[in-house]
Amino acid sequence: MKAKKFDDGQDILEFLDLSRAKRVSQEQKRVNVDFPIWMIDSLDREAKRLGVTRQSIIKIWLAEHLEQLAANR
């Protein structure tokens, strides 16, 4: 029954124990990066336009760039 619901694209969250869920390769490490003011202003404008935080837009753009580099190798 659970497998059929999953295969049919139905919601199966009731069957999952999310308290034990882990994201693979998502361990975090804090880094500090200094940006020029003009860059921060541009990041803030784009983040506001997209409705995300500055940190999110930086992560999104870095991830996209790194994925593109990996695909071109």
C-alpha atoms as a PDB file:
ATOM      1  CA  MET A   1       0.000   0.000   0.000  1.00  0.00           C
ATOM      2  CA  LYS A   2       2.786   2.459   0.960  1.00  0.00           C
ATOM      3  CA  ALA A   3       4.761   1.642  -2.173  1.00  0.00           C
ATOM      4  CA  LYS A   4       1.702   2.094  -4.379  1.00  0.00           C
ATOM      5  CA  LYS A   5       0.993   5.513  -2.829  1.00  0.00           C
ATOM      6  CA  PHE A   6       4.613   6.510  -3.447  1.00  0.00           C
ATOM      7  CA  ASP A   7       4.533   5.200  -7.027  1.00  0.00           C
ATOM      8  CA  ASP A   8       1.290   7.087  -7.647  1.00  0.00           C
ATOM      9  CA  GLY A   9       2.860  10.322  -6.401  1.00  0.00           C
ATOM     10  CA  GLN A  10       0.621  10.545  -3.345  1.00  0.00           C
ATOM     11  CA  ASP A  11       1.658  12.069  -0.018  1.00  0.00           C
ATOM     12  CA  ILE A  12       3.487   9.478   2.116  1.00  0.00           C
ATOM     13  CA  LEU A  13       4.749  11.730   4.917  1.00  0.00           C
ATOM     14  CA  GLU A  14       2.551   9.968   7.465  1.00  0.00           C
ATOM     15  CA  PHE A  15       4.682   6.839   6.962  1.00  0.00           C
ATOM     16  CA  LEU A  16       8.041   8.574   7.519  1.00  0.00           C
ATOM     17  CA  ASP A  17       9.906   9.214  10.777  1.00  0.00           C
ATOM     18  CA  LEU A  18      11.377  12.617   9.898  1.00  0.00           C
ATOM     19  CA  SER A  19      12.973  12.986  13.337  1.00  0.00           C
ATOM     20  CA  ARG A  20      15.645  10.538  12.193  1.00  0.00           C
ATOM     21  CA  ALA A  21      16.048  11.900   8.663  1.00  0.00           C
ATOM     22  CA  LYS A  22      19.482  13.115   7.607  1.00  0.00           C
ATOM     23  CA  ARG A  23      20.586  15.057   4.571  1.00  0.00           C
ATOM     24  CA  VAL A  24      23.500  13.371   2.835  1.00  0.00           C
ATOM     25  CA  SER A  25      26.568  15.569   2.322  1.00  0.00           C
ATOM     26  CA  GLN A  26      24.900  18.481   4.083  1.00  0.00           C
ATOM     27  CA  GLU A  27      27.239  18.860   7.054  1.00  0.00           C
ATOM     28  CA  GLN A  28      27.887  22.550   7.439  1.00  0.00           C
ATOM     29  CA  LYS A  29      30.999  24.551   8.163  1.00  0.00           C
ATOM     30  CA  ARG A  30      30.963  28.289   8.766  1.00  0.00           C
ATOM     31  CA  VAL A  31      33.244  30.480   6.654  1.00  0.00           C
ATOM     32  CA  ASN A  32      33.705  34.235   6.583  1.00  0.00           C
ATOM     33  CA  VAL A  33      33.976  36.053   3.270  1.00  0.00           C
ATOM     34  CA  ASP A  34      34.493  39.775   2.799  1.00  0.00           C
ATOM     35  CA  PHE A  35      32.600  41.367  -0.113  1.00  0.00           C
ATOM     36  CA  PRO A  36      32.760  44.911  -1.460  1.00  0.00           C
ATOM     37  CA  ILE A  37      29.738  47.060  -0.579  1.00  0.00           C
ATOM     38  CA  TRP A  38      28.522  47.213  -4.197  1.00  0.00           C
ATOM     39  CA  MET A  39      28.420  43.410  -4.283  1.00  0.00           C
ATOM     40  CA  ILE A  40      26.456  43.204  -1.024  1.00  0.00           C
ATOM     41  CA  ASP A  41      23.985  45.758  -2.370  1.00  0.00           C
ATOM     42  CA  SER A  42      23.522  43.725  -5.561  1.00  0.00           C
ATOM     43  CA  LEU A  43      23.146  40.493  -3.605  1.00  0.00           C
ATOM     44  CA  ASP A  44      20.560  42.096  -1.335  1.00  0.00           C
ATOM     45  CA  ARG A  45      18.536  43.426  -4.274  1.00  0.00           C
ATOM     46  CA  GLU A  46      18.495  40.033  -5.990  1.00  0.00           C
ATOM     47  CA  ALA A  47      17.710  38.191  -2.753  1.00  0.00           C
ATOM     48  CA  LYS A  48      14.802  40.564  -2.093  1.00  0.00           C
ATOM     49  CA  ARG A  49      13.520  40.115  -5.642  1.00  0.00           C
ATOM     50  CA  LEU A  50      13.551  36.339  -5.199  1.00  0.00           C
ATOM     51  CA  GLY A  51      12.215  36.472  -1.634  1.00  0.00           C
ATOM     52  CA  VAL A  52      15.200  34.728  -0.073  1.00  0.00           C
ATOM     53  CA  THR A  53      18.000  35.719   2.280  1.00  0.00           C
ATOM     54  CA  ARG A  54      21.411  37.001   1.205  1.00  0.00           C
ATOM     55  CA  GLN A  55      22.951  33.790   2.503  1.00  0.00           C
ATOM     56  CA  SER A  56      20.524  31.728   0.427  1.00  0.00           C
ATOM     57  CA  ILE A  57      21.280  33.564  -2.804  1.00  0.00           C
ATOM     58  CA  ILE A  58      25.016  33.118  -2.248  1.00  0.00           C
ATOM     59  CA  LYS A  59      24.558  29.382  -1.603  1.00  0.00           C
ATOM     60  CA  ILE A  60      22.267  28.982  -4.616  1.00  0.00           C
ATOM     61  CA  TRP A  61      24.645  30.752  -6.988  1.00  0.00           C
ATOM     62  CA  LEU A  62      27.714  28.926  -5.687  1.00  0.00           C
ATOM     63  CA  ALA A  63      25.957  25.562  -5.957  1.00  0.00           C
ATOM     64  CA  GLU A  64      24.818  26.331  -9.531  1.00  0.00           C
ATOM     65  CA  HIS A  65      28.327  27.380 -10.535  1.00  0.00           C
ATOM     66  CA  LEU A  66      29.962  24.339  -8.936  1.00  0.00           C
ATOM     67  CA  GLU A  67      27.440  22.003 -10.602  1.00  0.00           C
ATOM     68  CA  GLN A  68      28.154  23.644 -13.954  1.00  0.00           C
ATOM     69  CA  LEU A  69      31.906  23.224 -13.458  1.00  0.00           C
ATOM     70  CA  ALA A  70      31.452  19.563 -12.555  1.00  0.00           C
ATOM     71  CA  ALA A  71      29.263  18.973 -15.626  1.00  0.00           C
ATOM     72  CA  ASN A  72      31.901  20.497 -17.906  1.00  0.00           C
ATOM     73  CA  ARG A  73      34.704  18.226 -16.698  1.00  0.00           C
END
